[in-house]
C-alpha atoms as a PDB file:
ATOM      1  CA  UNK A   1      61.484  11.773 -75.154  1.00  0.00           C
ATOM      2  CA  UNK A   2      63.020  10.676 -78.411  1.00  0.00           C
ATOM      3  CA  UNK A   3      61.616   8.699 -81.318  1.00  0.00           C
ATOM      4  CA  UNK A   4      63.796   6.509 -83.525  1.00  0.00           C
ATOM      5  CA  UNK A   5      63.307   5.211 -87.059  1.00  0.00           C
ATOM      6  CA  UNK A   6      65.689   2.694 -88.643  1.00  0.00           C
ATOM      7  CA  UNK A   7      66.282   2.230 -92.341  1.00  0.00           C
ATOM      8  CA  UNK A   8      68.755   0.615 -94.712  1.00  0.00           C
ATOM      9  CA  UNK A   9      68.091  -3.062 -94.142  1.00  0.00           C
ATOM     10  CA  UNK A  10      67.714  -5.528 -96.963  1.00  0.00           C
ATOM     11  CA  UNK A  11      68.967  -8.687 -98.617  1.00  0.00           C
ATOM     12  CA  UNK A  12      72.687  -9.110 -99.194  1.00  0.00           C
ATOM     13  CA  UNK A  13      74.991 -11.997-100.049  1.00  0.00           C
ATOM     14  CA  UNK A  14      77.564 -13.266 -97.586  1.00  0.00           C
ATOM     15  CA  UNK A  15      80.637 -11.063 -97.629  1.00  0.00           C
ATOM     16  CA  UNK A  16      78.659  -8.009 -98.640  1.00  0.00           C
ATOM     17  CA  UNK A  17      77.993  -4.740 -96.860  1.00  0.00           C
ATOM     18  CA  UNK A  18      75.060  -2.683 -95.646  1.00  0.00           C
ATOM     19  CA  UNK A  19      74.740   0.661 -93.918  1.00  0.00           C
ATOM     20  CA  UNK A  20      71.903   1.097 -91.472  1.00  0.00           C
ATOM     21  CA  UNK A  21      70.635   4.502 -90.434  1.00  0.00           C
ATOM     22  CA  UNK A  22      68.679   5.593 -87.387  1.00  0.00           C
ATOM     23  CA  UNK A  23      66.938   8.945 -87.526  1.00  0.00           C
ATOM     24  CA  UNK A  24      66.174  10.433 -84.123  1.00  0.00           C
ATOM     25  CA  UNK A  25      63.799  13.163 -83.105  1.00  0.00           C
ATOM     26  CA  UNK A  26      64.129  15.622 -80.266  1.00  0.00           C
ATOM     27  CA  UNK A  27      66.365  18.465 -79.287  1.00  0.00           C
ATOM     28  CA  UNK A  28      68.083  16.331 -76.614  1.00  0.00           C
ATOM     29  CA  UNK A  29      69.278  13.618 -79.005  1.00  0.00           C
ATOM     30  CA  UNK A  30      72.951  14.496 -78.634  1.00  0.00           C
ATOM     31  CA  UNK A  31      72.932  13.742 -74.896  1.00  0.00           C
ATOM     32  CA  UNK A  32      71.913  10.079 -75.312  1.00  0.00           C
ATOM     33  CA  UNK A  33      74.104   7.036 -75.521  1.00  0.00           C
ATOM     34  CA  UNK A  34      73.044   5.255 -78.699  1.00  0.00           C
ATOM     35  CA  UNK A  35      73.149   1.565 -79.422  1.00  0.00           C
ATOM     36  CA  UNK A  36      72.310  -1.105 -81.944  1.00  0.00           C
ATOM     37  CA  UNK A  37      70.815  -4.470 -81.043  1.00  0.00           C
ATOM     38  CA  UNK A  38      69.691  -7.389 -83.163  1.00  0.00           C
ATOM     39  CA  UNK A  39      67.214 -10.200 -82.737  1.00  0.00           C
ATOM     40  CA  UNK A  40      66.598 -13.322 -84.788  1.00  0.00           C
ATOM     41  CA  UNK A  41      63.257 -15.177 -84.545  1.00  0.00           C
ATOM     42  CA  UNK A  42      63.047 -17.201 -81.354  1.00  0.00           C
ATOM     43  CA  UNK A  43      66.300 -15.783 -79.988  1.00  0.00           C
ATOM     44  CA  UNK A  44      67.264 -13.127 -77.476  1.00  0.00           C
ATOM     45  CA  UNK A  45      67.864  -9.538 -78.396  1.00  0.00           C
ATOM     46  CA  UNK A  46      71.647  -9.190 -78.495  1.00  0.00           C
ATOM     47  CA  UNK A  47      73.896  -6.196 -78.143  1.00  0.00           C
ATOM     48  CA  UNK A  48      75.737  -5.133 -81.286  1.00  0.00           C
ATOM     49  CA  UNK A  49      77.399  -1.777 -80.666  1.00  0.00           C
ATOM     50  CA  UNK A  50      77.123   1.461 -78.705  1.00  0.00           C
ATOM     51  CA  UNK A  51      78.437   4.990 -79.003  1.00  0.00           C
ATOM     52  CA  UNK A  52      78.716   7.767 -76.436  1.00  0.00           C
ATOM     53  CA  UNK A  53      76.866  11.027 -76.851  1.00  0.00           C
ATOM     54  CA  UNK A  54      80.083  12.769 -77.856  1.00  0.00           C
ATOM     55  CA  UNK A  55      80.946  10.080 -80.383  1.00  0.00           C
ATOM     56  CA  UNK A  56      84.404   9.733 -78.838  1.00  0.00           C
ATOM     57  CA  UNK A  57      83.853   6.287 -77.332  1.00  0.00           C
ATOM     58  CA  UNK A  58      82.426   3.102 -78.797  1.00  0.00           C
ATOM     59  CA  UNK A  59      81.825  -0.465 -77.701  1.00  0.00           C
ATOM     60  CA  UNK A  60      81.264  -3.557 -79.839  1.00  0.00           C
ATOM     61  CA  UNK A  61      80.256  -7.123 -79.286  1.00  0.00           C
ATOM     62  CA  UNK A  62      83.281  -9.342 -79.931  1.00  0.00           C
ATOM     63  CA  UNK A  63      81.741 -10.973 -82.984  1.00  0.00           C
ATOM     64  CA  UNK A  64      81.148  -7.560 -84.552  1.00  0.00           C
ATOM     65  CA  UNK A  65      84.475  -5.899 -83.837  1.00  0.00           C
ATOM     66  CA  UNK A  66      86.438  -5.329 -87.009  1.00  0.00           C
ATOM     67  CA  UNK A  67      83.378  -5.836 -89.205  1.00  0.00           C
ATOM     68  CA  UNK A  68      80.861  -3.308 -87.906  1.00  0.00           C
ATOM     69  CA  UNK A  69      81.323   0.401 -87.277  1.00  0.00           C
ATOM     70  CA  UNK A  70      78.951   2.603 -85.310  1.00  0.00           C
ATOM     71  CA  UNK A  71      78.989   6.353 -85.798  1.00  0.00           C
ATOM     72  CA  UNK A  72      76.770   9.343 -85.179  1.00  0.00           C
ATOM     73  CA  UNK A  73      76.161  12.760 -86.620  1.00  0.00           C
ATOM     74  CA  UNK A  74      74.472  14.844 -83.970  1.00  0.00           C
ATOM     75  CA  UNK A  75      73.911  17.727 -86.367  1.00  0.00           C
ATOM     76  CA  UNK A  76      71.781  15.380 -88.475  1.00  0.00           C
ATOM     77  CA  UNK A  77      70.239  13.550 -85.505  1.00  0.00           C
ATOM     78  CA  UNK A  78      71.369  10.296 -87.069  1.00  0.00           C
ATOM     79  CA  UNK A  79      73.225   7.174 -85.937  1.00  0.00           C
ATOM     80  CA  UNK A  80      74.744   4.720 -88.391  1.00  0.00           C
ATOM     81  CA  UNK A  81      75.831   1.109 -88.383  1.00  0.00           C
ATOM     82  CA  UNK A  82      78.186   0.232 -91.211  1.00  0.00           C
ATOM     83  CA  UNK A  83      78.279  -3.535 -91.643  1.00  0.00           C
ATOM     84  CA  UNK A  84      80.831  -5.368 -93.759  1.00  0.00           C
ATOM     85  CA  UNK A  85      81.927  -8.974 -94.283  1.00  0.00           C
ATOM     86  CA  UNK A  86      78.397 -10.020 -93.491  1.00  0.00           C
ATOM     87  CA  UNK A  87      77.681 -13.615 -92.549  1.00  0.00           C
ATOM     88  CA  UNK A  88      74.447 -15.633 -92.643  1.00  0.00           C
ATOM     89  CA  UNK A  89      74.425 -15.603 -88.844  1.00  0.00           C
ATOM     90  CA  UNK A  90      74.113 -11.811 -88.992  1.00  0.00           C
ATOM     91  CA  UNK A  91      70.571 -12.270 -90.289  1.00  0.00           C
ATOM     92  CA  UNK A  92      68.232 -10.568 -87.827  1.00  0.00           C
ATOM     93  CA  UNK A  93      66.045  -7.576 -87.197  1.00  0.00           C
ATOM     94  CA  UNK A  94      68.311  -4.716 -86.213  1.00  0.00           C
ATOM     95  CA  UNK A  95      67.082  -2.169 -83.695  1.00  0.00           C
ATOM     96  CA  UNK A  96      68.326   1.283 -82.874  1.00  0.00           C
ATOM     97  CA  UNK A  97      68.067   2.289 -79.214  1.00  0.00           C
ATOM     98  CA  UNK A  98      68.726   5.298 -77.004  1.00  0.00           C
ATOM     99  CA  UNK A  99      69.771   5.413 -73.357  1.00  0.00           C
ATOM    100  CA  UNK A 100      69.485   8.604 -71.370  1.00  0.00           C
ATOM    101  CA  UNK A 101      71.626   7.512 -68.417  1.00  0.00           C
ATOM    102  CA  UNK A 102      73.506   4.434 -69.571  1.00  0.00           C
ATOM    103  CA  UNK A 103      77.053   4.214 -70.859  1.00  0.00           C
ATOM    104  CA  UNK A 104      78.547   2.329 -73.775  1.00  0.00           C
ATOM    105  CA  UNK A 105      79.490  -0.462 -71.365  1.00  0.00           C
ATOM    106  CA  UNK A 106      75.836  -1.176 -70.631  1.00  0.00           C
ATOM    107  CA  UNK A 107      74.993  -3.980 -73.046  1.00  0.00           C
ATOM    108  CA  UNK A 108      71.579  -5.076 -71.791  1.00  0.00           C
ATOM    109  CA  UNK A 109      68.474  -4.088 -73.704  1.00  0.00           C
ATOM    110  CA  UNK A 110      67.007  -3.043 -70.364  1.00  0.00           C
ATOM    111  CA  UNK A 111      69.553  -0.237 -70.089  1.00  0.00           C
ATOM    112  CA  UNK A 112      67.918   1.490 -73.038  1.00  0.00           C
ATOM    113  CA  UNK A 113      64.859   3.675 -72.862  1.00  0.00           C
ATOM    114  CA  UNK A 114      63.731   4.199 -76.448  1.00  0.00           C
ATOM    115  CA  UNK A 115      63.587   1.893 -79.454  1.00  0.00           C
ATOM    116  CA  UNK A 116      62.991   2.051 -83.159  1.00  0.00           C
ATOM    117  CA  UNK A 117      60.712  -0.316 -85.055  1.00  0.00           C
ATOM    118  CA  UNK A 118      63.591  -2.379 -86.424  1.00  0.00           C
ATOM    119  CA  UNK A 119      64.878  -3.087 -89.909  1.00  0.00           C
ATOM    120  CA  UNK A 120      65.361  -6.551 -91.396  1.00  0.00           C
ATOM    121  CA  UNK A 121      68.818  -7.654 -92.513  1.00  0.00           C
ATOM    122  CA  UNK A 122      69.015 -10.936 -94.398  1.00  0.00           C
ATOM    123  CA  UNK A 123      72.359 -12.422 -95.430  1.00  0.00           C
ATOM    124  CA  UNK A 124      72.263 -15.256 -97.940  1.00  0.00           C
ATOM    125  CA  UNK A 125      74.935 -17.912 -98.496  1.00  0.00           C
END
């Protein structure tokens, strides 16, 4: 199994940027598809982005494409989400997730096996 810990969330003004990090444990980390999801209070957990275990392929939700960038450094057991041009509607708890068998085209939370505790991102007007 793998354990995930997110960090890097905080308060930022609209138009600003944040970089989230997800530190993963386990010697098998590099074989997992990694994803980011977000969830606002009272709303569903939505797909944000995913990256293949090689890092060669990525997938983004349409509203994120061009603003968010997912990357991974397998040597450091870390996945990143670089967020720019942030909007108030981006306010949510952001979760890092790992899927052992899924691909980057699997955008349901139920395709992922392991989850971090989440990190709060708040974007003010």
